[in-house]
Protein backbone atom coordinates (compact mmCIF):
# COMPACT_ATOMS: atom_id res chain seq x y z
CA MET A 1 23.19 40.67 -25.30
CA THR A 2 26.12 41.40 -23.01
CA LEU A 3 27.24 39.13 -20.02
CA GLY A 4 25.82 41.83 -17.64
CA GLN A 5 22.46 41.91 -19.39
CA THR A 6 22.25 38.20 -19.39
CA THR A 7 22.89 37.98 -15.62
CA LEU A 8 20.21 40.66 -15.02
CA PHE A 9 17.70 38.86 -17.24
CA GLN A 10 18.39 35.57 -15.43
CA GLU A 11 17.91 37.27 -11.95
CA LYS A 12 14.48 38.75 -13.29
CA LEU A 13 13.42 35.28 -14.41
CA THR A 14 14.22 33.70 -11.13
CA GLN A 15 12.48 36.39 -9.12
CA GLY A 16 9.35 36.18 -11.27
CA THR A 17 9.28 32.32 -10.93
CA MET A 18 9.60 32.68 -7.22
CA ASN A 19 6.92 35.38 -7.14
CA ALA A 20 4.51 33.09 -9.06
CA THR A 21 5.43 30.16 -6.62
CA PHE A 22 4.56 32.33 -3.66
CA LEU A 23 1.32 33.44 -5.36
CA GLN A 24 0.17 29.79 -5.81
CA PHE A 25 1.48 28.72 -2.36
CA PRO A 26 1.21 31.72 0.04
CA ASN A 27 3.07 30.06 2.80
CA GLY A 28 6.09 29.61 0.56
CA SER A 29 5.86 25.89 0.66
CA PHE A 30 4.69 23.32 -2.03
CA ASN A 31 1.78 21.28 -1.32
CA SER A 32 2.68 17.63 -0.63
CA THR A 33 -0.08 16.39 -2.95
CA ASP A 34 1.56 18.19 -5.74
CA ARG A 35 5.00 16.86 -5.15
CA CYS A 36 3.69 13.15 -4.97
CA PRO A 37 0.52 12.77 -6.99
CA ARG A 38 -1.48 9.48 -6.29
CA ASP A 39 -2.61 7.20 -9.00
CA THR A 40 -6.16 6.86 -7.68
CA ARG A 41 -7.74 4.92 -10.79
CA ILE A 42 -8.22 1.91 -8.57
CA THR A 43 -9.74 3.84 -5.77
CA HIS A 44 -11.97 5.80 -8.11
CA LEU A 45 -13.19 2.81 -10.05
CA VAL A 46 -12.81 -0.45 -8.20
CA PHE A 47 -13.00 0.09 -4.60
CA PRO A 48 -16.33 2.23 -4.81
CA VAL A 49 -17.98 -0.88 -6.49
CA LEU A 50 -16.63 -3.23 -3.92
CA TYR A 51 -17.64 -0.81 -0.95
CA THR A 52 -21.18 -0.54 -2.42
CA THR A 53 -21.60 -4.36 -2.38
CA VAL A 54 -20.29 -4.40 1.34
CA PHE A 55 -22.58 -1.59 2.22
CA LEU A 56 -25.79 -3.24 0.66
CA ALA A 57 -24.96 -6.61 2.24
CA GLY A 58 -24.09 -4.97 5.52
CA MET A 59 -27.33 -2.97 5.64
CA LEU A 60 -29.29 -6.11 4.84
CA LEU A 61 -27.56 -8.33 7.40
CA ASN A 62 -27.31 -5.84 10.33
CA SER A 63 -30.92 -4.67 9.79
CA LEU A 64 -32.10 -8.14 10.06
CA ALA A 65 -29.91 -8.69 12.94
CA LEU A 66 -31.27 -5.50 14.64
CA TRP A 67 -34.89 -6.81 14.13
CA VAL A 68 -33.97 -10.04 15.74
CA PHE A 69 -32.33 -8.52 18.74
CA PHE A 70 -35.12 -6.11 19.42
CA LYS A 71 -36.97 -9.53 20.41
CA ILE A 72 -34.19 -10.57 22.75
CA PRO A 73 -33.89 -9.08 26.28
CA SER A 74 -30.35 -8.18 27.45
CA SER A 75 -30.49 -10.94 30.03
CA SER A 76 -26.73 -11.89 29.84
CA THR A 77 -23.40 -10.15 29.30
CA PHE A 78 -22.98 -12.05 25.99
CA ILE A 79 -26.26 -10.34 24.48
CA VAL A 80 -25.21 -7.02 25.76
CA TYR A 81 -21.76 -7.31 23.88
CA LEU A 82 -23.57 -8.63 20.78
CA LYS A 83 -26.15 -5.73 20.77
CA ASN A 84 -23.30 -3.04 21.18
CA THR A 85 -21.46 -4.90 18.45
CA LEU A 86 -24.58 -4.63 16.21
CA VAL A 87 -24.75 -0.83 16.86
CA ALA A 88 -21.07 -0.25 16.07
CA ASP A 89 -21.41 -2.25 12.76
CA LEU A 90 -24.51 -0.27 11.83
CA VAL A 91 -22.84 3.19 12.38
CA MET A 92 -19.89 2.13 10.52
CA THR A 93 -22.13 0.99 7.62
CA LEU A 94 -23.88 4.36 7.48
CA MET A 95 -20.41 5.96 7.04
CA LEU A 96 -19.86 3.99 3.82
CA PRO A 97 -21.79 6.10 1.39
CA PHE A 98 -19.74 9.12 2.25
CA LYS A 99 -16.54 7.19 1.39
CA ILE A 100 -18.10 5.66 -1.83
CA LEU A 101 -19.12 9.24 -3.02
CA SER A 102 -15.80 10.74 -2.08
CA ASP A 103 -13.57 8.05 -3.55
CA ALA A 104 -15.66 7.87 -6.90
CA ASN A 105 -15.63 11.66 -7.30
CA LEU A 106 -19.44 11.47 -7.65
CA GLY A 107 -19.97 14.89 -5.57
CA PRO A 108 -18.52 18.07 -4.78
CA TRP A 109 -15.21 18.27 -3.21
CA GLN A 110 -16.78 19.50 -0.02
CA ILE A 111 -17.95 15.84 0.70
CA ARG A 112 -14.18 14.71 0.65
CA ALA A 113 -13.65 17.55 3.35
CA PHE A 114 -16.57 16.08 5.39
CA VAL A 115 -15.08 12.61 5.04
CA CYS A 116 -11.66 13.87 6.30
CA ARG A 117 -12.99 15.68 9.28
CA TYR A 118 -15.98 13.64 10.31
CA SER A 119 -17.27 10.43 8.71
CA ALA A 120 -13.72 8.79 8.43
CA VAL A 121 -13.06 9.43 12.12
CA ILE A 122 -16.53 7.88 13.17
CA PHE A 123 -15.73 5.05 10.86
CA TYR A 124 -12.48 4.30 12.61
CA GLU A 125 -14.12 4.97 16.09
CA THR A 126 -16.68 2.38 15.61
CA MET A 127 -14.13 0.03 14.06
CA TYR A 128 -12.11 -0.11 17.29
CA ILE A 129 -15.24 -0.04 19.47
CA GLY A 130 -16.09 -3.38 17.44
CA ILE A 131 -12.56 -4.73 18.05
CA ILE A 132 -12.84 -4.14 21.81
CA LEU A 133 -16.25 -5.73 21.95
CA LEU A 134 -15.04 -8.72 20.11
CA GLY A 135 -12.38 -9.22 22.65
CA LEU A 136 -15.08 -8.82 25.44
CA ILE A 137 -17.11 -11.45 23.63
CA ALA A 138 -14.19 -13.67 23.71
CA PHE A 139 -13.71 -13.04 27.40
CA ASP A 140 -17.15 -13.90 28.11
CA ARG A 141 -17.04 -17.13 26.25
CA PHE A 142 -13.91 -17.95 28.07
CA LEU A 143 -15.60 -17.47 31.53
CA LYS A 144 -18.62 -19.47 30.27
CA ILE A 145 -16.32 -22.43 29.64
CA ILE A 146 -14.04 -22.49 32.66
CA ARG A 147 -16.62 -21.45 35.03
CA PRO A 148 -20.13 -22.40 33.61
CA PHE A 149 -21.97 -21.74 36.98
CA GLY A 150 -19.82 -18.91 38.07
CA LYS A 151 -21.47 -15.68 39.47
CA PHE A 152 -18.54 -13.28 39.19
CA CYS A 153 -19.55 -9.59 38.96
CA VAL A 154 -18.06 -9.40 35.50
CA GLN A 155 -20.65 -12.02 34.43
CA LYS A 156 -23.68 -9.89 35.25
CA PRO A 157 -25.49 -7.92 32.56
CA ILE A 158 -25.22 -4.51 34.46
CA PHE A 159 -21.51 -4.99 34.44
CA ALA A 160 -21.50 -5.38 30.66
CA GLN A 161 -23.75 -2.42 30.10
CA ILE A 162 -21.53 -0.26 32.14
CA LEU A 163 -18.32 -1.56 30.42
CA SER A 164 -19.85 -1.06 27.01
CA VAL A 165 -20.67 2.47 27.88
CA LEU A 166 -17.08 3.06 29.04
CA VAL A 167 -15.65 1.62 25.73
CA TRP A 168 -17.97 4.03 23.77
CA LEU A 169 -16.78 7.06 25.82
CA PHE A 170 -13.20 6.10 25.65
CA LEU A 171 -13.07 5.91 21.70
CA PHE A 172 -15.31 8.92 21.48
CA PHE A 173 -12.97 11.26 23.53
CA LEU A 174 -9.77 9.57 21.81
CA SER A 175 -11.27 10.36 18.38
CA LEU A 176 -12.88 13.79 19.11
CA PRO A 177 -9.54 15.69 18.79
CA ASN A 178 -9.04 14.41 15.32
CA MET A 179 -12.18 16.27 14.26
CA ILE A 180 -11.33 19.51 16.05
CA LEU A 181 -7.88 19.61 15.17
CA SER A 182 -8.54 19.06 11.28
CA ASN A 183 -9.25 23.02 11.29
CA LYS A 184 -7.16 24.35 8.23
CA GLU A 185 -9.28 25.69 5.47
CA ALA A 186 -10.41 23.02 3.17
CA THR A 187 -9.81 23.64 -0.68
CA PRO A 188 -10.36 21.41 -3.61
CA GLN A 189 -6.49 20.73 -3.49
CA SER A 190 -5.96 20.37 0.33
CA VAL A 191 -8.68 17.71 0.66
CA LYS A 192 -6.96 15.17 -1.42
CA LYS A 193 -4.64 14.26 1.47
CA CYS A 194 -6.70 14.38 4.74
CA THR A 195 -3.51 15.39 6.85
CA SER A 196 -3.35 18.54 4.68
CA LEU A 197 -6.21 19.86 6.81
CA LYS A 198 -4.50 19.19 10.12
CA GLY A 199 -2.03 21.53 11.97
CA PRO A 200 1.22 20.44 13.78
CA TRP A 201 -0.87 19.28 16.90
CA GLY A 202 -3.40 17.63 14.71
CA ILE A 203 -0.73 15.60 13.06
CA ILE A 204 0.89 14.79 16.47
CA TRP A 205 -2.41 13.66 17.74
CA HIS A 206 -3.22 11.68 14.46
CA LYS A 207 0.09 9.77 15.02
CA ALA A 208 -0.54 9.16 18.80
CA VAL A 209 -4.07 7.86 18.17
CA THR A 210 -2.57 5.58 15.33
CA TYR A 211 -0.16 4.00 18.08
CA VAL A 212 -2.97 3.74 20.63
CA CYS A 213 -5.03 1.88 18.37
CA GLN A 214 -2.35 -0.58 17.25
CA VAL A 215 -1.87 -1.23 20.95
CA ILE A 216 -5.71 -1.93 21.34
CA PHE A 217 -5.70 -4.25 18.51
CA TRP A 218 -2.71 -6.34 19.34
CA THR A 219 -3.68 -6.56 23.11
CA VAL A 220 -7.08 -7.73 22.23
CA PHE A 221 -5.77 -10.26 19.77
CA ALA A 222 -3.09 -11.79 22.04
CA LEU A 223 -5.72 -12.05 24.78
CA MET A 224 -8.32 -13.56 22.49
CA PHE A 225 -5.60 -16.08 21.27
CA LEU A 226 -5.06 -17.08 24.80
CA PHE A 227 -8.91 -17.38 25.74
CA TYR A 228 -9.41 -19.60 22.79
CA VAL A 229 -6.50 -21.94 23.23
CA VAL A 230 -8.00 -22.69 26.77
CA ILE A 231 -11.51 -22.82 25.34
CA ALA A 232 -10.25 -25.33 22.68
CA LYS A 233 -8.53 -27.43 25.31
CA LYS A 234 -11.59 -27.60 27.68
CA VAL A 235 -13.96 -28.54 24.75
CA TYR A 236 -11.64 -31.29 23.66
CA GLU A 237 -11.35 -32.67 27.26
CA SER A 238 -15.06 -32.49 27.68
CA PHE A 239 -15.93 -34.39 24.45
CA ARG A 240 -13.33 -36.83 25.04
CA LYS A 241 -14.79 -37.57 28.48
CA SER A 242 -18.21 -37.91 27.15
CA GLN A 243 -16.74 -40.33 24.48
CA SER A 244 -18.25 -38.79 21.44
CA LYS A 245 -17.57 -40.55 18.43
CA ASP A 246 -19.18 -38.15 16.11
CA ALA A 247 -16.38 -36.74 14.01
CA LYS A 248 -18.52 -34.46 11.97
CA ALA A 249 -20.09 -32.89 15.20
CA ASN A 250 -16.46 -32.41 16.58
CA LYS A 251 -15.36 -30.69 13.37
CA ASN A 252 -18.38 -28.39 13.25
CA LEU A 253 -17.63 -27.62 17.03
CA GLU A 254 -13.96 -26.77 16.38
CA SER A 255 -15.29 -24.20 13.78
CA LYS A 256 -17.73 -22.87 16.02
CA VAL A 257 -15.07 -22.31 18.83
CA PHE A 258 -12.65 -20.44 16.58
CA ILE A 259 -15.23 -18.50 14.61
CA VAL A 260 -14.58 -15.13 16.47
CA VAL A 261 -10.82 -15.33 16.38
CA ALA A 262 -10.86 -16.36 12.63
CA VAL A 263 -13.06 -13.43 11.73
CA PHE A 264 -11.03 -10.97 13.90
CA PHE A 265 -7.70 -12.02 12.53
CA VAL A 266 -8.78 -12.15 8.70
CA CYS A 267 -10.59 -8.78 8.84
CA PHE A 268 -8.26 -6.65 11.12
CA ALA A 269 -4.75 -8.03 11.12
CA PRO A 270 -3.70 -7.06 7.48
CA PHE A 271 -4.79 -3.58 8.06
CA HIS A 272 -2.80 -3.13 11.32
CA PHE A 273 0.20 -4.50 9.58
CA ALA A 274 -0.23 -1.66 6.86
CA ARG A 275 -1.35 1.35 8.91
CA ILE A 276 1.71 2.34 10.88
CA PRO A 277 3.88 2.53 7.77
CA TYR A 278 1.16 4.40 5.92
CA THR A 279 0.69 6.96 8.66
CA GLN A 280 4.50 7.57 8.73
CA SER A 281 4.30 8.16 4.85
CA GLN A 282 1.50 10.68 5.61
CA THR A 283 3.18 12.61 8.39
CA ASN A 284 6.67 12.37 7.10
CA SER A 285 6.03 12.52 3.29
CA SER A 286 9.09 14.68 2.42
CA LYS A 287 11.40 11.80 3.85
CA ILE A 288 9.69 9.05 1.97
CA ASP A 289 10.09 8.30 -1.81
CA CYS A 290 6.80 9.09 -3.77
CA ALA A 291 6.71 5.67 -5.23
CA VAL A 292 6.68 4.06 -1.71
CA GLN A 293 4.09 6.57 -0.54
CA ASN A 294 1.76 5.29 -3.33
CA GLN A 295 2.39 1.75 -2.55
CA LEU A 296 1.59 2.15 1.07
CA PHE A 297 -1.56 4.04 0.24
CA TRP A 298 -2.78 1.17 -2.06
CA ALA A 299 -1.87 -1.42 0.70
CA LYS A 300 -3.79 0.77 3.40
CA GLU A 301 -6.81 1.06 1.00
CA ALA A 302 -6.97 -2.77 0.10
CA THR A 303 -6.57 -3.71 3.76
CA LEU A 304 -9.17 -1.14 4.94
CA PHE A 305 -11.63 -2.65 2.71
CA LEU A 306 -10.89 -6.06 4.23
CA ALA A 307 -11.43 -4.60 7.64
CA THR A 308 -14.65 -3.17 6.47
CA THR A 309 -15.96 -6.60 5.42
CA ASN A 310 -16.20 -7.26 9.22
CA ILE A 311 -19.64 -5.71 9.13
CA CYS A 312 -20.84 -8.63 7.03
CA MET A 313 -18.92 -11.17 9.18
CA ASP A 314 -20.17 -10.42 12.52
CA PRO A 315 -23.55 -11.72 11.91
CA LEU A 316 -21.91 -15.09 11.42
CA ILE A 317 -20.91 -14.71 15.19
CA TYR A 318 -24.54 -14.15 16.10
CA ILE A 319 -25.73 -17.20 14.26
CA PHE A 320 -22.96 -19.54 15.20
CA LEU A 321 -22.63 -18.74 18.91
CA CYS A 322 -25.98 -17.18 19.92
CA ARG A 323 -28.79 -19.79 20.19
CA LYS A 324 -31.49 -17.10 21.17
CA PHE A 325 -30.69 -15.19 18.02
CA THR A 326 -30.87 -18.18 15.70
CA GLU A 327 -34.23 -19.16 17.24
CA LYS A 328 -35.54 -15.71 16.35
CA LEU A 329 -34.44 -15.92 12.82
CA PRO A 330 -37.46 -16.29 10.44
CA CYS A 331 -35.67 -18.72 8.31
CA VAL A 332 -35.32 -21.22 10.94
CA ARG A 333 -38.10 -23.81 10.75
CA LYS A 334 -39.57 -25.19 14.11
CA THR A 335 -38.98 -28.75 12.93
CA GLY A 336 -35.28 -28.41 13.16
CA ARG A 337 -35.10 -26.28 16.13
CA THR A 338 -34.93 -29.15 18.67
CA SER A 339 -31.79 -30.74 17.14
CA GLN A 340 -30.28 -27.35 16.80
CA GLU A 341 -30.87 -26.44 20.56
CA ASN A 342 -29.29 -29.76 21.65
CA HIS A 343 -26.39 -29.07 19.65
CA SER A 344 -26.03 -25.29 20.53
CA THR A 345 -26.49 -26.32 24.29
CA GLN A 346 -23.71 -28.87 23.99
CA THR A 347 -21.29 -26.30 22.21
CA ASP A 348 -22.17 -23.02 23.81
CA ASN A 349 -22.80 -24.14 27.50
CA ILE A 350 -20.40 -26.86 27.98
CA THR A 351 -20.33 -27.89 31.72
CA LEU A 352 -16.87 -29.49 32.70
CA SER A 353 -17.83 -32.28 35.01
């Protein structure tokens, strides 16, 4: 073969390769999923089992809580916030089966498309509704401690109801474009990464919502921390004035005071450390090494599971902080109710005389 024939053959080979590429990728670009395949063995095997456990436990605990709250009137801001938290947890729990089926590849690929476009968006929406409501619960306990007999407008049930509706509407309208802008055609290949279903505006909105949610979380956390520092100080001063010598009771009281902030931080803080770099790896995948993308994906999945366990942790808040809820539990015996009421009154309705 002469030099000219060799050159001509190489040109035809190159042209054929390019044509094959454009047949496979009509827009002339490679799919990011093919450039950086994910090792999803853990997410396909381990996490579906863990999420199934959380789903079953969450359904049991929150169904019981729903049955109890049906018997409790919305007579205080505290009860209103707890009931809204329960609804958010129930909706979040109902989204888990879709994630479990999608992650375990137990259904058609269309389930994954549904997760990307709808159920995952609702899942995150209710997560941040729950985060804001936990902040409002902390604020309500803060007011109860510093002004136990106060009659501020923010301490009226109607205010809590209106504020809760506004929280639901705000997160709904913030999340809705994530559904609408995931408008690219879904294929078995594109649904492997949810951002592949988003156009340029969808990606921009996705990043913007991620930053807004970060602001929501860290603002709520900072305020909650300040509230509970004041609460702890007031509780300590109250018990010192009453000359309480019961060290065990003081220890239990301290645990009750910090149950909200402990659940909040343990469940949600790790996820919010991992989410920003993970979102950057999704939306700027061409600039980030493939191995780093996979590590961020695993970190996001692990911390997301931790955040999901909040649906099982919130009932602890109902039990420790809400005396009316505990009284309605079928497992609470009347014989032990009097001492429990005395202790709850002492801890939940402290008057600073």
